[in-house]
Amino acid sequence: MTQFAELCDLAAKDLEIGGHATEASEIRTLSGTASDDSRPAAERVDALEQVRMRCHVKWFGDIYLAHLSQTEWWSRLEKLSKAARKLKQTV
């Protein structure tokens, strides 16, 4: 499993624990699309960009998760955003 996929899985688990099943499902779907080498490059790049956009503090960053501090959550989102950006360069 790639770092990107692992970080997506971690974010999805955090979102599920926090009661945000829809958002967790979105991340898992986008992760699957981005990681699927059989999909067109444009589709994979779009999925990676969608993940990066969701990592913004005014999107998923606004979600309250009782089991994490805001700083921890933002740090995880930043790591995920960087991993998506890095993977996007290889598509």
N, C-alpha and C. Protein backbone atom coordinates (compact mmCIF):
# COMPACT_ATOMS: atom_id res chain seq x y z
N MET A 1 0.85 -1.18 0.00
CA MET A 1 0.00 0.00 0.00
C MET A 1 0.90 1.24 0.00
N THR A 2 0.58 2.21 -0.83
CA THR A 2 1.38 3.43 -0.93
C THR A 2 1.11 4.34 0.27
N GLN A 3 2.01 5.29 0.46
CA GLN A 3 1.82 6.27 1.54
C GLN A 3 0.51 7.02 1.33
N PHE A 4 0.21 7.38 0.09
CA PHE A 4 -1.03 8.08 -0.21
C PHE A 4 -2.23 7.24 0.21
N ALA A 5 -2.25 5.97 -0.17
CA ALA A 5 -3.37 5.09 0.18
C ALA A 5 -3.48 4.92 1.69
N GLU A 6 -2.35 4.78 2.37
CA GLU A 6 -2.36 4.64 3.82
C GLU A 6 -2.92 5.89 4.50
N LEU A 7 -2.51 7.05 4.03
CA LEU A 7 -3.01 8.30 4.61
C LEU A 7 -4.49 8.50 4.33
N CYS A 8 -4.93 8.09 3.14
CA CYS A 8 -6.37 8.16 2.83
C CYS A 8 -7.16 7.24 3.76
N ASP A 9 -6.63 6.04 3.97
CA ASP A 9 -7.30 5.09 4.84
C ASP A 9 -7.37 5.62 6.27
N LEU A 10 -6.28 6.22 6.74
CA LEU A 10 -6.26 6.79 8.08
C LEU A 10 -7.28 7.93 8.21
N ALA A 11 -7.32 8.81 7.22
CA ALA A 11 -8.28 9.91 7.24
C ALA A 11 -9.71 9.38 7.22
N ALA A 12 -9.96 8.36 6.40
CA ALA A 12 -11.30 7.78 6.32
C ALA A 12 -11.69 7.17 7.66
N LYS A 13 -10.78 6.48 8.31
CA LYS A 13 -11.06 5.90 9.63
C LYS A 13 -11.35 6.99 10.65
N ASP A 14 -10.55 8.05 10.63
CA ASP A 14 -10.79 9.17 11.55
C ASP A 14 -12.17 9.78 11.31
N LEU A 15 -12.53 9.95 10.06
CA LEU A 15 -13.84 10.52 9.73
C LEU A 15 -14.96 9.59 10.19
N GLU A 16 -14.80 8.30 10.01
CA GLU A 16 -15.82 7.35 10.46
C GLU A 16 -15.97 7.39 11.98
N ILE A 17 -14.85 7.42 12.69
CA ILE A 17 -14.91 7.49 14.16
C ILE A 17 -15.66 8.74 14.59
N GLY A 18 -15.45 9.82 13.86
CA GLY A 18 -16.11 11.09 14.16
C GLY A 18 -17.54 11.17 13.68
N GLY A 19 -18.05 10.11 13.05
CA GLY A 19 -19.44 10.11 12.60
C GLY A 19 -19.67 10.72 11.24
N HIS A 20 -18.63 10.77 10.43
CA HIS A 20 -18.74 11.39 9.09
C HIS A 20 -18.54 10.32 8.02
N ALA A 21 -19.49 9.40 7.94
CA ALA A 21 -19.38 8.25 7.03
C ALA A 21 -19.38 8.66 5.56
N THR A 22 -20.14 9.67 5.21
CA THR A 22 -20.19 10.12 3.81
C THR A 22 -18.83 10.63 3.36
N GLU A 23 -18.20 11.45 4.18
CA GLU A 23 -16.90 11.99 3.84
C GLU A 23 -15.84 10.88 3.78
N ALA A 24 -15.95 9.91 4.69
CA ALA A 24 -15.02 8.77 4.69
C ALA A 24 -15.16 7.98 3.39
N SER A 25 -16.38 7.78 2.96
CA SER A 25 -16.64 7.06 1.72
C SER A 25 -16.06 7.82 0.52
N GLU A 26 -16.22 9.14 0.52
CA GLU A 26 -15.68 9.97 -0.56
C GLU A 26 -14.17 9.79 -0.68
N ILE A 27 -13.47 9.84 0.46
CA ILE A 27 -12.00 9.71 0.45
C ILE A 27 -11.61 8.33 -0.06
N ARG A 28 -12.31 7.30 0.38
CA ARG A 28 -11.97 5.94 -0.07
C ARG A 28 -12.20 5.79 -1.57
N THR A 29 -13.29 6.34 -2.07
CA THR A 29 -13.58 6.26 -3.51
C THR A 29 -12.51 7.00 -4.31
N LEU A 30 -12.17 8.21 -3.87
CA LEU A 30 -11.15 8.99 -4.57
C LEU A 30 -9.79 8.32 -4.50
N SER A 31 -9.47 7.73 -3.37
CA SER A 31 -8.20 7.01 -3.23
C SER A 31 -8.14 5.84 -4.20
N GLY A 32 -9.23 5.10 -4.31
CA GLY A 32 -9.28 3.97 -5.24
C GLY A 32 -9.10 4.40 -6.68
N THR A 33 -9.75 5.49 -7.04
CA THR A 33 -9.63 6.01 -8.40
C THR A 33 -8.20 6.47 -8.67
N ALA A 34 -7.62 7.22 -7.75
CA ALA A 34 -6.28 7.76 -7.93
C ALA A 34 -5.22 6.66 -8.00
N SER A 35 -5.45 5.56 -7.29
CA SER A 35 -4.46 4.49 -7.21
C SER A 35 -4.60 3.44 -8.31
N ASP A 36 -5.66 3.52 -9.09
CA ASP A 36 -5.95 2.52 -10.12
C ASP A 36 -5.23 2.86 -11.43
N ASP A 37 -4.14 2.15 -11.69
CA ASP A 37 -3.32 2.42 -12.88
C ASP A 37 -4.06 2.16 -14.19
N SER A 38 -5.17 1.42 -14.15
CA SER A 38 -5.90 1.12 -15.37
C SER A 38 -6.83 2.28 -15.78
N ARG A 39 -7.02 3.24 -14.90
CA ARG A 39 -7.87 4.39 -15.23
C ARG A 39 -7.08 5.42 -16.03
N PRO A 40 -7.79 6.22 -16.83
CA PRO A 40 -7.11 7.27 -17.59
C PRO A 40 -6.38 8.25 -16.66
N ALA A 41 -5.25 8.76 -17.11
CA ALA A 41 -4.45 9.67 -16.30
C ALA A 41 -5.25 10.89 -15.86
N ALA A 42 -6.07 11.43 -16.74
CA ALA A 42 -6.85 12.63 -16.40
C ALA A 42 -7.81 12.34 -15.24
N GLU A 43 -8.39 11.16 -15.23
CA GLU A 43 -9.31 10.78 -14.16
C GLU A 43 -8.56 10.63 -12.83
N ARG A 44 -7.38 10.03 -12.90
CA ARG A 44 -6.57 9.86 -11.69
C ARG A 44 -6.10 11.21 -11.14
N VAL A 45 -5.66 12.09 -12.03
CA VAL A 45 -5.22 13.43 -11.62
C VAL A 45 -6.38 14.19 -10.98
N ASP A 46 -7.56 14.09 -11.57
CA ASP A 46 -8.73 14.75 -11.01
C ASP A 46 -9.03 14.23 -9.60
N ALA A 47 -8.96 12.92 -9.40
CA ALA A 47 -9.20 12.34 -8.08
C ALA A 47 -8.17 12.85 -7.07
N LEU A 48 -6.93 12.93 -7.48
CA LEU A 48 -5.89 13.45 -6.59
C LEU A 48 -6.14 14.91 -6.23
N GLU A 49 -6.56 15.68 -7.20
CA GLU A 49 -6.87 17.08 -6.94
C GLU A 49 -8.09 17.21 -6.02
N GLN A 50 -9.07 16.34 -6.19
CA GLN A 50 -10.24 16.33 -5.30
C GLN A 50 -9.83 16.03 -3.85
N VAL A 51 -8.91 15.10 -3.68
CA VAL A 51 -8.40 14.79 -2.34
C VAL A 51 -7.71 16.02 -1.76
N ARG A 52 -6.85 16.63 -2.55
CA ARG A 52 -6.12 17.83 -2.08
C ARG A 52 -7.09 18.93 -1.68
N MET A 53 -8.13 19.15 -2.46
CA MET A 53 -9.10 20.20 -2.13
C MET A 53 -9.81 19.90 -0.81
N ARG A 54 -10.13 18.63 -0.57
CA ARG A 54 -10.81 18.25 0.66
C ARG A 54 -9.91 18.41 1.88
N CYS A 55 -8.60 18.41 1.68
CA CYS A 55 -7.66 18.58 2.79
C CYS A 55 -7.56 20.03 3.27
N HIS A 56 -8.18 20.94 2.59
CA HIS A 56 -8.14 22.35 2.97
C HIS A 56 -8.82 22.55 4.32
N VAL A 57 -8.31 23.51 5.10
CA VAL A 57 -8.86 23.75 6.44
C VAL A 57 -10.32 24.21 6.41
N LYS A 58 -10.77 24.71 5.27
CA LYS A 58 -12.17 25.14 5.19
C LYS A 58 -13.07 24.05 4.61
N TRP A 59 -12.53 22.85 4.39
CA TRP A 59 -13.37 21.73 3.93
C TRP A 59 -13.32 20.66 5.02
N PHE A 60 -12.46 19.68 4.90
CA PHE A 60 -12.36 18.66 5.95
C PHE A 60 -11.74 19.23 7.22
N GLY A 61 -10.95 20.28 7.08
CA GLY A 61 -10.34 20.90 8.25
C GLY A 61 -11.35 21.51 9.20
N ASP A 62 -12.54 21.82 8.69
CA ASP A 62 -13.61 22.37 9.52
C ASP A 62 -14.36 21.29 10.30
N ILE A 63 -14.09 20.03 10.01
CA ILE A 63 -14.80 18.94 10.67
C ILE A 63 -14.22 18.72 12.06
N TYR A 64 -15.11 18.65 13.04
CA TYR A 64 -14.69 18.39 14.42
C TYR A 64 -14.61 16.89 14.65
N LEU A 65 -13.46 16.45 15.14
CA LEU A 65 -13.26 15.04 15.50
C LEU A 65 -12.85 15.00 16.97
N ALA A 66 -13.71 14.45 17.79
CA ALA A 66 -13.49 14.47 19.24
C ALA A 66 -12.23 13.71 19.66
N HIS A 67 -11.84 12.70 18.88
CA HIS A 67 -10.69 11.88 19.27
C HIS A 67 -9.34 12.47 18.86
N LEU A 68 -9.36 13.59 18.14
CA LEU A 68 -8.11 14.25 17.71
C LEU A 68 -8.18 15.73 18.06
N SER A 69 -7.02 16.29 18.35
CA SER A 69 -6.98 17.75 18.50
C SER A 69 -7.07 18.35 17.09
N GLN A 70 -7.42 19.60 17.03
CA GLN A 70 -7.50 20.28 15.74
C GLN A 70 -6.12 20.27 15.06
N THR A 71 -5.07 20.46 15.83
CA THR A 71 -3.71 20.46 15.29
C THR A 71 -3.35 19.10 14.71
N GLU A 72 -3.70 18.02 15.41
CA GLU A 72 -3.43 16.67 14.89
C GLU A 72 -4.18 16.42 13.59
N TRP A 73 -5.45 16.80 13.54
CA TRP A 73 -6.26 16.59 12.35
C TRP A 73 -5.69 17.38 11.17
N TRP A 74 -5.37 18.64 11.40
CA TRP A 74 -4.80 19.46 10.33
C TRP A 74 -3.48 18.91 9.85
N SER A 75 -2.67 18.39 10.77
CA SER A 75 -1.39 17.80 10.40
C SER A 75 -1.59 16.58 9.50
N ARG A 76 -2.57 15.76 9.83
CA ARG A 76 -2.86 14.58 9.01
C ARG A 76 -3.35 15.00 7.63
N LEU A 77 -4.18 16.02 7.60
CA LEU A 77 -4.67 16.50 6.30
C LEU A 77 -3.54 17.09 5.46
N GLU A 78 -2.62 17.78 6.09
CA GLU A 78 -1.47 18.34 5.38
C GLU A 78 -0.60 17.23 4.79
N LYS A 79 -0.37 16.18 5.56
CA LYS A 79 0.41 15.05 5.06
C LYS A 79 -0.30 14.39 3.87
N LEU A 80 -1.60 14.25 3.97
CA LEU A 80 -2.37 13.66 2.88
C LEU A 80 -2.30 14.54 1.63
N SER A 81 -2.43 15.83 1.81
CA SER A 81 -2.35 16.76 0.69
C SER A 81 -0.99 16.67 -0.01
N LYS A 82 0.07 16.61 0.78
CA LYS A 82 1.43 16.51 0.20
C LYS A 82 1.61 15.19 -0.53
N ALA A 83 1.06 14.11 0.02
CA ALA A 83 1.18 12.80 -0.64
C ALA A 83 0.41 12.81 -1.96
N ALA A 84 -0.75 13.46 -1.99
CA ALA A 84 -1.53 13.55 -3.22
C ALA A 84 -0.78 14.37 -4.27
N ARG A 85 -0.17 15.46 -3.83
CA ARG A 85 0.60 16.31 -4.75
C ARG A 85 1.78 15.52 -5.33
N LYS A 86 2.46 14.77 -4.47
CA LYS A 86 3.61 13.98 -4.92
C LYS A 86 3.18 12.90 -5.92
N LEU A 87 2.09 12.20 -5.61
CA LEU A 87 1.61 11.16 -6.51
C LEU A 87 1.14 11.74 -7.85
N LYS A 88 0.55 12.92 -7.78
CA LYS A 88 0.07 13.60 -9.00
C LYS A 88 1.21 13.83 -9.99
N GLN A 89 2.41 14.06 -9.49
CA GLN A 89 3.57 14.30 -10.35
C GLN A 89 4.00 13.05 -11.11
N THR A 90 3.58 11.89 -10.63
CA THR A 90 3.99 10.63 -11.27
C THR A 90 2.94 10.06 -12.21
N VAL A 91 1.76 10.65 -12.23
CA VAL A 91 0.67 10.13 -13.07
C VAL A 91 0.90 10.52 -14.51
